[in-house]
C-alpha atoms as a PDB file:
ATOM      1  CA  UNK A   1     -23.123 -11.022 -11.472  1.00  0.00           C
ATOM      2  CA  UNK A   2     -21.883  -8.021 -13.067  1.00  0.00           C
ATOM      3  CA  UNK A   3     -22.532  -7.406 -17.235  1.00  0.00           C
ATOM      4  CA  UNK A   4     -19.406  -8.136 -18.433  1.00  0.00           C
ATOM      5  CA  UNK A   5     -19.123 -11.743 -16.769  1.00  0.00           C
ATOM      6  CA  UNK A   6     -22.810 -12.477 -17.669  1.00  0.00           C
ATOM      7  CA  UNK A   7     -21.959 -11.348 -21.238  1.00  0.00           C
ATOM      8  CA  UNK A   8     -18.578 -13.562 -21.347  1.00  0.00           C
ATOM      9  CA  UNK A   9     -20.338 -16.112 -20.336  1.00  0.00           C
ATOM     10  CA  UNK A  10     -22.934 -16.204 -23.240  1.00  0.00           C
ATOM     11  CA  UNK A  11     -20.485 -15.975 -25.545  1.00  0.00           C
ATOM     12  CA  UNK A  12     -18.647 -18.985 -24.160  1.00  0.00           C
ATOM     13  CA  UNK A  13     -21.712 -20.763 -24.387  1.00  0.00           C
ATOM     14  CA  UNK A  14     -22.105 -20.377 -27.903  1.00  0.00           C
ATOM     15  CA  UNK A  15     -18.454 -21.137 -28.418  1.00  0.00           C
ATOM     16  CA  UNK A  16     -19.059 -24.508 -26.421  1.00  0.00           C
ATOM     17  CA  UNK A  17     -22.125 -25.200 -28.797  1.00  0.00           C
ATOM     18  CA  UNK A  18     -19.773 -24.597 -31.946  1.00  0.00           C
ATOM     19  CA  UNK A  19     -19.814 -21.261 -32.703  1.00  0.00           C
ATOM     20  CA  UNK A  20     -16.674 -19.660 -34.048  1.00  0.00           C
ATOM     21  CA  UNK A  21     -15.296 -16.221 -35.039  1.00  0.00           C
ATOM     22  CA  UNK A  22     -12.564 -13.872 -34.142  1.00  0.00           C
ATOM     23  CA  UNK A  23     -12.897 -12.440 -30.810  1.00  0.00           C
ATOM     24  CA  UNK A  24     -11.614  -8.846 -31.008  1.00  0.00           C
ATOM     25  CA  UNK A  25     -14.434  -6.425 -30.313  1.00  0.00           C
ATOM     26  CA  UNK A  26     -16.376  -8.990 -28.369  1.00  0.00           C
ATOM     27  CA  UNK A  27     -17.419  -8.294 -24.917  1.00  0.00           C
ATOM     28  CA  UNK A  28     -15.910  -4.854 -24.420  1.00  0.00           C
ATOM     29  CA  UNK A  29     -14.390  -4.622 -21.168  1.00  0.00           C
ATOM     30  CA  UNK A  30     -13.627  -8.613 -20.724  1.00  0.00           C
ATOM     31  CA  UNK A  31     -10.024  -9.460 -20.540  1.00  0.00           C
ATOM     32  CA  UNK A  32      -9.056 -11.817 -23.003  1.00  0.00           C
ATOM     33  CA  UNK A  33      -6.378 -14.196 -23.151  1.00  0.00           C
ATOM     34  CA  UNK A  34      -3.914 -15.972 -25.282  1.00  0.00           C
ATOM     35  CA  UNK A  35      -3.580 -19.767 -24.283  1.00  0.00           C
ATOM     36  CA  UNK A  36      -0.706 -22.119 -24.525  1.00  0.00           C
ATOM     37  CA  UNK A  37      -0.911 -25.579 -23.138  1.00  0.00           C
ATOM     38  CA  UNK A  38       2.240 -28.015 -22.632  1.00  0.00           C
ATOM     39  CA  UNK A  39       3.476 -31.009 -20.812  1.00  0.00           C
ATOM     40  CA  UNK A  40       4.126 -30.700 -17.317  1.00  0.00           C
ATOM     41  CA  UNK A  41       7.735 -31.418 -18.130  1.00  0.00           C
ATOM     42  CA  UNK A  42       8.268 -28.514 -20.117  1.00  0.00           C
ATOM     43  CA  UNK A  43       5.887 -25.939 -17.854  1.00  0.00           C
ATOM     44  CA  UNK A  44       8.985 -24.540 -15.760  1.00  0.00           C
ATOM     45  CA  UNK A  45      10.523 -23.505 -19.287  1.00  0.00           C
ATOM     46  CA  UNK A  46       7.511 -21.784 -20.598  1.00  0.00           C
ATOM     47  CA  UNK A  47       7.153 -20.153 -16.733  1.00  0.00           C
ATOM     48  CA  UNK A  48      10.772 -18.789 -17.176  1.00  0.00           C
ATOM     49  CA  UNK A  49      10.622 -17.528 -21.104  1.00  0.00           C
ATOM     50  CA  UNK A  50       7.494 -15.598 -19.994  1.00  0.00           C
ATOM     51  CA  UNK A  51       9.385 -14.090 -17.043  1.00  0.00           C
ATOM     52  CA  UNK A  52      12.112 -13.286 -18.951  1.00  0.00           C
ATOM     53  CA  UNK A  53      10.006 -11.854 -22.228  1.00  0.00           C
ATOM     54  CA  UNK A  54       6.694 -10.360 -20.017  1.00  0.00           C
ATOM     55  CA  UNK A  55       6.227  -8.025 -22.974  1.00  0.00           C
ATOM     56  CA  UNK A  56       4.747 -10.434 -25.371  1.00  0.00           C
ATOM     57  CA  UNK A  57       4.004 -12.800 -22.583  1.00  0.00           C
ATOM     58  CA  UNK A  58       1.950 -11.334 -19.709  1.00  0.00           C
ATOM     59  CA  UNK A  59       1.140 -14.123 -17.761  1.00  0.00           C
ATOM     60  CA  UNK A  60      -2.376 -14.091 -16.048  1.00  0.00           C
ATOM     61  CA  UNK A  61      -2.516 -17.675 -15.163  1.00  0.00           C
ATOM     62  CA  UNK A  62      -0.988 -20.861 -15.249  1.00  0.00           C
ATOM     63  CA  UNK A  63      -2.881 -24.370 -14.263  1.00  0.00           C
ATOM     64  CA  UNK A  64      -1.932 -27.273 -12.284  1.00  0.00           C
ATOM     65  CA  UNK A  65      -1.097 -30.495 -14.088  1.00  0.00           C
ATOM     66  CA  UNK A  66      -4.346 -31.719 -15.755  1.00  0.00           C
ATOM     67  CA  UNK A  67      -7.079 -28.603 -14.483  1.00  0.00           C
ATOM     68  CA  UNK A  68      -9.243 -27.175 -17.284  1.00  0.00           C
ATOM     69  CA  UNK A  69     -10.679 -24.296 -14.885  1.00  0.00           C
ATOM     70  CA  UNK A  70      -9.290 -20.840 -13.728  1.00  0.00           C
ATOM     71  CA  UNK A  71     -10.154 -18.250 -11.316  1.00  0.00           C
ATOM     72  CA  UNK A  72     -10.514 -15.948 -14.220  1.00  0.00           C
ATOM     73  CA  UNK A  73     -13.478 -17.525 -15.319  1.00  0.00           C
ATOM     74  CA  UNK A  74     -14.641 -20.361 -12.800  1.00  0.00           C
ATOM     75  CA  UNK A  75     -17.326 -21.760 -14.713  1.00  0.00           C
ATOM     76  CA  UNK A  76     -15.582 -22.194 -18.075  1.00  0.00           C
ATOM     77  CA  UNK A  77     -13.578 -25.334 -19.354  1.00  0.00           C
ATOM     78  CA  UNK A  78     -10.449 -24.531 -21.068  1.00  0.00           C
ATOM     79  CA  UNK A  79     -10.933 -27.533 -23.360  1.00  0.00           C
ATOM     80  CA  UNK A  80     -14.293 -26.250 -25.229  1.00  0.00           C
ATOM     81  CA  UNK A  81     -14.311 -22.582 -24.425  1.00  0.00           C
ATOM     82  CA  UNK A  82     -12.249 -21.111 -26.917  1.00  0.00           C
ATOM     83  CA  UNK A  83     -13.779 -20.367 -30.329  1.00  0.00           C
ATOM     84  CA  UNK A  84     -11.014 -22.244 -32.344  1.00  0.00           C
ATOM     85  CA  UNK A  85      -7.935 -24.582 -31.057  1.00  0.00           C
ATOM     86  CA  UNK A  86      -4.329 -25.800 -32.782  1.00  0.00           C
ATOM     87  CA  UNK A  87      -3.142 -29.067 -32.067  1.00  0.00           C
ATOM     88  CA  UNK A  88       0.977 -29.255 -32.474  1.00  0.00           C
ATOM     89  CA  UNK A  89       3.020 -32.359 -32.294  1.00  0.00           C
ATOM     90  CA  UNK A  90       7.299 -31.728 -32.572  1.00  0.00           C
ATOM     91  CA  UNK A  91       6.472 -27.937 -33.381  1.00  0.00           C
ATOM     92  CA  UNK A  92       3.929 -28.786 -36.392  1.00  0.00           C
ATOM     93  CA  UNK A  93       0.856 -27.719 -36.375  1.00  0.00           C
ATOM     94  CA  UNK A  94      -1.292 -30.918 -36.938  1.00  0.00           C
ATOM     95  CA  UNK A  95      -5.101 -29.745 -36.969  1.00  0.00           C
ATOM     96  CA  UNK A  96      -7.188 -26.968 -35.644  1.00  0.00           C
ATOM     97  CA  UNK A  97     -10.430 -28.048 -33.806  1.00  0.00           C
ATOM     98  CA  UNK A  98     -13.479 -26.313 -32.063  1.00  0.00           C
ATOM     99  CA  UNK A  99     -13.200 -28.785 -29.152  1.00  0.00           C
ATOM    100  CA  UNK A 100      -9.746 -29.637 -27.307  1.00  0.00           C
ATOM    101  CA  UNK A 101     -10.990 -32.480 -25.026  1.00  0.00           C
ATOM    102  CA  UNK A 102      -9.615 -35.536 -26.507  1.00  0.00           C
ATOM    103  CA  UNK A 103      -6.175 -33.889 -27.532  1.00  0.00           C
ATOM    104  CA  UNK A 104      -6.192 -32.646 -23.032  1.00  0.00           C
ATOM    105  CA  UNK A 105      -3.531 -34.760 -21.159  1.00  0.00           C
ATOM    106  CA  UNK A 106      -3.197 -35.683 -17.476  1.00  0.00           C
ATOM    107  CA  UNK A 107      -0.245 -33.654 -17.446  1.00  0.00           C
ATOM    108  CA  UNK A 108      -1.265 -30.761 -19.635  1.00  0.00           C
ATOM    109  CA  UNK A 109      -0.361 -26.873 -17.754  1.00  0.00           C
ATOM    110  CA  UNK A 110      -1.993 -24.088 -19.333  1.00  0.00           C
ATOM    111  CA  UNK A 111      -0.648 -20.942 -19.582  1.00  0.00           C
ATOM    112  CA  UNK A 112      -3.309 -18.076 -20.125  1.00  0.00           C
ATOM    113  CA  UNK A 113      -1.369 -14.901 -21.403  1.00  0.00           C
ATOM    114  CA  UNK A 114      -2.912 -11.166 -21.744  1.00  0.00           C
ATOM    115  CA  UNK A 115      -3.953 -10.064 -25.241  1.00  0.00           C
ATOM    116  CA  UNK A 116      -3.409  -6.843 -27.141  1.00  0.00           C
ATOM    117  CA  UNK A 117      -7.452  -6.924 -27.419  1.00  0.00           C
ATOM    118  CA  UNK A 118      -7.423  -5.443 -24.072  1.00  0.00           C
ATOM    119  CA  UNK A 119      -6.444  -2.327 -25.209  1.00  0.00           C
ATOM    120  CA  UNK A 120      -8.902  -1.520 -28.063  1.00  0.00           C
ATOM    121  CA  UNK A 121     -11.659  -0.685 -26.251  1.00  0.00           C
ATOM    122  CA  UNK A 122      -9.380   2.128 -24.448  1.00  0.00           C
ATOM    123  CA  UNK A 123      -7.956   3.015 -27.927  1.00  0.00           C
ATOM    124  CA  UNK A 124     -11.710   3.765 -29.118  1.00  0.00           C
ATOM    125  CA  UNK A 125     -12.571   5.428 -25.911  1.00  0.00           C
ATOM    126  CA  UNK A 126      -9.430   8.044 -26.551  1.00  0.00           C
ATOM    127  CA  UNK A 127     -10.475   8.544 -30.253  1.00  0.00           C
ATOM    128  CA  UNK A 128      -8.135   6.023 -31.832  1.00  0.00           C
ATOM    129  CA  UNK A 129      -9.866   4.017 -34.743  1.00  0.00           C
ATOM    130  CA  UNK A 130      -9.286   0.327 -34.458  1.00  0.00           C
ATOM    131  CA  UNK A 131      -9.163  -0.645 -38.016  1.00  0.00           C
ATOM    132  CA  UNK A 132      -9.372  -4.247 -37.683  1.00  0.00           C
ATOM    133  CA  UNK A 133     -12.484  -3.459 -36.051  1.00  0.00           C
ATOM    134  CA  UNK A 134     -13.634  -1.258 -38.567  1.00  0.00           C
ATOM    135  CA  UNK A 135     -12.954  -3.668 -41.461  1.00  0.00           C
ATOM    136  CA  UNK A 136     -14.406  -7.024 -39.660  1.00  0.00           C
ATOM    137  CA  UNK A 137     -10.980  -8.796 -39.994  1.00  0.00           C
ATOM    138  CA  UNK A 138      -8.741 -10.740 -37.554  1.00  0.00           C
ATOM    139  CA  UNK A 139      -5.995  -8.679 -36.493  1.00  0.00           C
ATOM    140  CA  UNK A 140      -2.714  -8.797 -38.749  1.00  0.00           C
ATOM    141  CA  UNK A 141       0.490 -10.570 -37.199  1.00  0.00           C
ATOM    142  CA  UNK A 142       3.791 -10.840 -38.096  1.00  0.00           C
ATOM    143  CA  UNK A 143       6.806 -12.847 -37.041  1.00  0.00           C
ATOM    144  CA  UNK A 144       9.942 -10.427 -36.545  1.00  0.00           C
ATOM    145  CA  UNK A 145      13.520 -10.549 -36.815  1.00  0.00           C
ATOM    146  CA  UNK A 146      13.888 -10.037 -33.535  1.00  0.00           C
ATOM    147  CA  UNK A 147      14.932 -12.876 -30.913  1.00  0.00           C
ATOM    148  CA  UNK A 148      13.271 -13.558 -27.456  1.00  0.00           C
ATOM    149  CA  UNK A 149      15.417 -14.026 -24.350  1.00  0.00           C
ATOM    150  CA  UNK A 150      15.508 -17.653 -24.476  1.00  0.00           C
ATOM    151  CA  UNK A 151      14.443 -20.179 -21.475  1.00  0.00           C
ATOM    152  CA  UNK A 152      15.794 -23.641 -21.075  1.00  0.00           C
ATOM    153  CA  UNK A 153      14.679 -25.663 -24.446  1.00  0.00           C
ATOM    154  CA  UNK A 154      12.325 -22.699 -25.483  1.00  0.00           C
ATOM    155  CA  UNK A 155      13.445 -19.907 -28.165  1.00  0.00           C
ATOM    156  CA  UNK A 156      12.038 -18.315 -30.777  1.00  0.00           C
ATOM    157  CA  UNK A 157      11.103 -15.033 -32.568  1.00  0.00           C
ATOM    158  CA  UNK A 158       9.012 -11.961 -31.316  1.00  0.00           C
ATOM    159  CA  UNK A 159       5.760 -12.055 -32.961  1.00  0.00           C
ATOM    160  CA  UNK A 160       3.847  -8.662 -33.282  1.00  0.00           C
ATOM    161  CA  UNK A 161       0.199  -7.413 -34.246  1.00  0.00           C
ATOM    162  CA  UNK A 162       0.013  -4.076 -36.284  1.00  0.00           C
ATOM    163  CA  UNK A 163      -2.687  -1.464 -36.204  1.00  0.00           C
ATOM    164  CA  UNK A 164      -2.991   1.242 -38.382  1.00  0.00           C
ATOM    165  CA  UNK A 165      -3.262   4.604 -36.538  1.00  0.00           C
ATOM    166  CA  UNK A 166      -3.743   8.050 -37.867  1.00  0.00           C
ATOM    167  CA  UNK A 167      -0.193   9.728 -37.536  1.00  0.00           C
ATOM    168  CA  UNK A 168      -1.436  12.306 -35.263  1.00  0.00           C
ATOM    169  CA  UNK A 169      -2.770   9.796 -32.934  1.00  0.00           C
ATOM    170  CA  UNK A 170       0.094   7.764 -32.807  1.00  0.00           C
ATOM    171  CA  UNK A 171       1.329   9.400 -29.567  1.00  0.00           C
ATOM    172  CA  UNK A 172      -1.891   8.811 -27.969  1.00  0.00           C
ATOM    173  CA  UNK A 173      -2.397   4.845 -28.990  1.00  0.00           C
ATOM    174  CA  UNK A 174       1.275   4.786 -27.303  1.00  0.00           C
ATOM    175  CA  UNK A 175       0.124   6.429 -24.062  1.00  0.00           C
ATOM    176  CA  UNK A 176      -2.997   4.684 -23.826  1.00  0.00           C
ATOM    177  CA  UNK A 177      -1.718   1.064 -24.402  1.00  0.00           C
ATOM    178  CA  UNK A 178       1.215   1.683 -22.343  1.00  0.00           C
ATOM    179  CA  UNK A 179      -1.401   1.889 -18.997  1.00  0.00           C
ATOM    180  CA  UNK A 180      -2.553  -2.044 -20.080  1.00  0.00           C
ATOM    181  CA  UNK A 181       0.502  -3.490 -19.700  1.00  0.00           C
ATOM    182  CA  UNK A 182      -1.603  -7.035 -19.104  1.00  0.00           C
ATOM    183  CA  UNK A 183      -2.627  -6.430 -22.774  1.00  0.00           C
ATOM    184  CA  UNK A 184       1.426  -6.239 -23.753  1.00  0.00           C
ATOM    185  CA  UNK A 185       1.528  -2.867 -23.073  1.00  0.00           C
ATOM    186  CA  UNK A 186       3.116   0.215 -25.198  1.00  0.00           C
ATOM    187  CA  UNK A 187       4.019  -0.748 -28.647  1.00  0.00           C
ATOM    188  CA  UNK A 188       8.044  -2.103 -29.859  1.00  0.00           C
ATOM    189  CA  UNK A 189       7.743  -0.153 -33.764  1.00  0.00           C
ATOM    190  CA  UNK A 190       6.232   2.507 -35.173  1.00  0.00           C
ATOM    191  CA  UNK A 191       6.321   3.402 -38.953  1.00  0.00           C
ATOM    192  CA  UNK A 192       9.051   0.983 -40.562  1.00  0.00           C
ATOM    193  CA  UNK A 193       7.865  -2.389 -40.415  1.00  0.00           C
ATOM    194  CA  UNK A 194      11.170  -3.743 -42.368  1.00  0.00           C
ATOM    195  CA  UNK A 195      13.465  -2.483 -39.279  1.00  0.00           C
ATOM    196  CA  UNK A 196      11.904  -5.591 -37.195  1.00  0.00           C
ATOM    197  CA  UNK A 197      11.853  -7.464 -40.342  1.00  0.00           C
ATOM    198  CA  UNK A 198       8.301  -7.469 -41.742  1.00  0.00           C
ATOM    199  CA  UNK A 199       8.717  -7.286 -45.380  1.00  0.00           C
ATOM    200  CA  UNK A 200       5.150  -7.187 -46.525  1.00  0.00           C
ATOM    201  CA  UNK A 201       2.054  -5.479 -44.440  1.00  0.00           C
ATOM    202  CA  UNK A 202      -0.158  -7.181 -46.985  1.00  0.00           C
ATOM    203  CA  UNK A 203       1.213 -10.984 -46.538  1.00  0.00           C
ATOM    204  CA  UNK A 204       0.949 -11.183 -42.477  1.00  0.00           C
ATOM    205  CA  UNK A 205       2.058 -14.553 -40.592  1.00  0.00           C
ATOM    206  CA  UNK A 206      -1.138 -14.695 -39.037  1.00  0.00           C
ATOM    207  CA  UNK A 207      -4.775 -13.188 -39.077  1.00  0.00           C
ATOM    208  CA  UNK A 208      -5.682 -10.967 -41.731  1.00  0.00           C
ATOM    209  CA  UNK A 209      -4.169  -7.780 -43.650  1.00  0.00           C
ATOM    210  CA  UNK A 210      -5.580  -4.760 -42.392  1.00  0.00           C
ATOM    211  CA  UNK A 211      -5.936  -1.896 -44.935  1.00  0.00           C
ATOM    212  CA  UNK A 212      -3.947   1.646 -44.029  1.00  0.00           C
ATOM    213  CA  UNK A 213      -6.150   4.854 -44.601  1.00  0.00           C
ATOM    214  CA  UNK A 214      -3.931   7.976 -45.788  1.00  0.00           C
ATOM    215  CA  UNK A 215      -1.983   9.210 -43.229  1.00  0.00           C
ATOM    216  CA  UNK A 216      -1.978   5.955 -41.180  1.00  0.00           C
ATOM    217  CA  UNK A 217       1.171   4.500 -39.994  1.00  0.00           C
ATOM    218  CA  UNK A 218       1.539   0.744 -39.211  1.00  0.00           C
ATOM    219  CA  UNK A 219       2.066   0.417 -35.072  1.00  0.00           C
ATOM    220  CA  UNK A 220       3.516  -3.083 -33.945  1.00  0.00           C
ATOM    221  CA  UNK A 221       2.703  -4.440 -30.426  1.00  0.00           C
ATOM    222  CA  UNK A 222       3.991  -7.556 -28.748  1.00  0.00           C
ATOM    223  CA  UNK A 223       1.696 -10.565 -29.523  1.00  0.00           C
ATOM    224  CA  UNK A 224       0.558 -13.550 -27.582  1.00  0.00           C
ATOM    225  CA  UNK A 225       1.119 -15.910 -30.593  1.00  0.00           C
ATOM    226  CA  UNK A 226       4.556 -15.665 -30.187  1.00  0.00           C
ATOM    227  CA  UNK A 227       4.666 -18.923 -27.930  1.00  0.00           C
ATOM    228  CA  UNK A 228       3.256 -20.201 -31.038  1.00  0.00           C
ATOM    229  CA  UNK A 229       6.537 -19.165 -32.850  1.00  0.00           C
ATOM    230  CA  UNK A 230       8.313 -20.497 -30.104  1.00  0.00           C
ATOM    231  CA  UNK A 231       6.586 -23.929 -30.534  1.00  0.00           C
ATOM    232  CA  UNK A 232       7.891 -24.539 -34.203  1.00  0.00           C
ATOM    233  CA  UNK A 233      11.599 -23.583 -33.255  1.00  0.00           C
ATOM    234  CA  UNK A 234      11.800 -25.733 -29.930  1.00  0.00           C
ATOM    235  CA  UNK A 235       9.260 -28.396 -31.170  1.00  0.00           C
ATOM    236  CA  UNK A 236       8.142 -29.753 -27.693  1.00  0.00           C
ATOM    237  CA  UNK A 237       6.385 -33.252 -28.020  1.00  0.00           C
ATOM    238  CA  UNK A 238       2.800 -31.845 -27.938  1.00  0.00           C
ATOM    239  CA  UNK A 239       1.277 -28.331 -27.045  1.00  0.00           C
ATOM    240  CA  UNK A 240      -2.698 -27.119 -27.675  1.00  0.00           C
ATOM    241  CA  UNK A 241      -2.902 -23.186 -28.476  1.00  0.00           C
ATOM    242  CA  UNK A 242      -5.829 -20.843 -29.421  1.00  0.00           C
ATOM    243  CA  UNK A 243      -5.620 -20.159 -32.747  1.00  0.00           C
ATOM    244  CA  UNK A 244      -4.630 -16.467 -33.936  1.00  0.00           C
ATOM    245  CA  UNK A 245      -7.289 -14.205 -32.855  1.00  0.00           C
ATOM    246  CA  UNK A 246      -9.419 -16.600 -31.371  1.00  0.00           C
ATOM    247  CA  UNK A 247      -9.352 -15.696 -27.316  1.00  0.00           C
ATOM    248  CA  UNK A 248     -10.287 -16.981 -24.414  1.00  0.00           C
ATOM    249  CA  UNK A 249     -12.817 -14.373 -23.004  1.00  0.00           C
ATOM    250  CA  UNK A 250     -12.622 -14.152 -19.193  1.00  0.00           C
ATOM    251  CA  UNK A 251     -15.120 -12.971 -16.499  1.00  0.00           C
ATOM    252  CA  UNK A 252     -12.841 -10.177 -15.243  1.00  0.00           C
ATOM    253  CA  UNK A 253     -12.763  -6.814 -16.182  1.00  0.00           C
ATOM    254  CA  UNK A 254     -10.052  -5.360 -17.774  1.00  0.00           C
ATOM    255  CA  UNK A 255      -7.320  -3.733 -15.549  1.00  0.00           C
ATOM    256  CA  UNK A 256      -8.335  -6.313 -12.769  1.00  0.00           C
ATOM    257  CA  UNK A 257      -7.157  -9.756 -11.506  1.00  0.00           C
ATOM    258  CA  UNK A 258      -9.610 -12.235 -10.574  1.00  0.00           C
ATOM    259  CA  UNK A 259     -11.118 -10.812  -6.990  1.00  0.00           C
ATOM    260  CA  UNK A 260      -9.188  -7.591  -6.567  1.00  0.00           C
ATOM    261  CA  UNK A 261      -8.078  -4.346  -8.374  1.00  0.00           C
ATOM    262  CA  UNK A 262      -4.798  -4.097  -9.811  1.00  0.00           C
ATOM    263  CA  UNK A 263      -2.234  -2.358  -7.459  1.00  0.00           C
END
């Protein structure tokens, strides 16, 4: 077992026992995943949505109906091993829980999607500060005025995460993140939030506001919370998601898939 896998299993065990915290900065080197769970009758629409919108929804895995395991962490249980879950009914957020077992259905299909936390270690290694980690905060996330390419019954706005980057390091941040497509890849916008419909950086739609230092520019990446905005607009009968910033930590090292390196 690799050190990354061992550390991921230890952290998941703490979550299973009831611990809860945002996962940014946890288990450096491990791929983290967003999760959205839908009835099997809606699964094709979600699969097509991910195929048409790969930047905000880089697809890692899709489970068989009712299955609660994944090759990305074979000993894990998707119902218990995330730090916090959201429960949805008809597009309304009805509850946040630490254990989703009682809400899981026999026809539940889970989608695991890449997460921008996956490039934070690469940014730090390149000398780019990650302010949300420095400030001990969940990353700031915003709904934008940009619409996804719809698929079947599913449609909604693009959600982005924002990280303040020193102006002289923006090009480095773009280059580094572009090399990690399973973690959303390169940013979609730099410097002018209002141009993508973000009016107030101090009031994120999800997560916590991150303070900009003098000389920082706001840099926006596609975000795996996008499907939650889709749920609100498209109103499937029920769904389960991770709580924003509270990801599924896998056993697989960044830049790899289960059992083999990326081609």
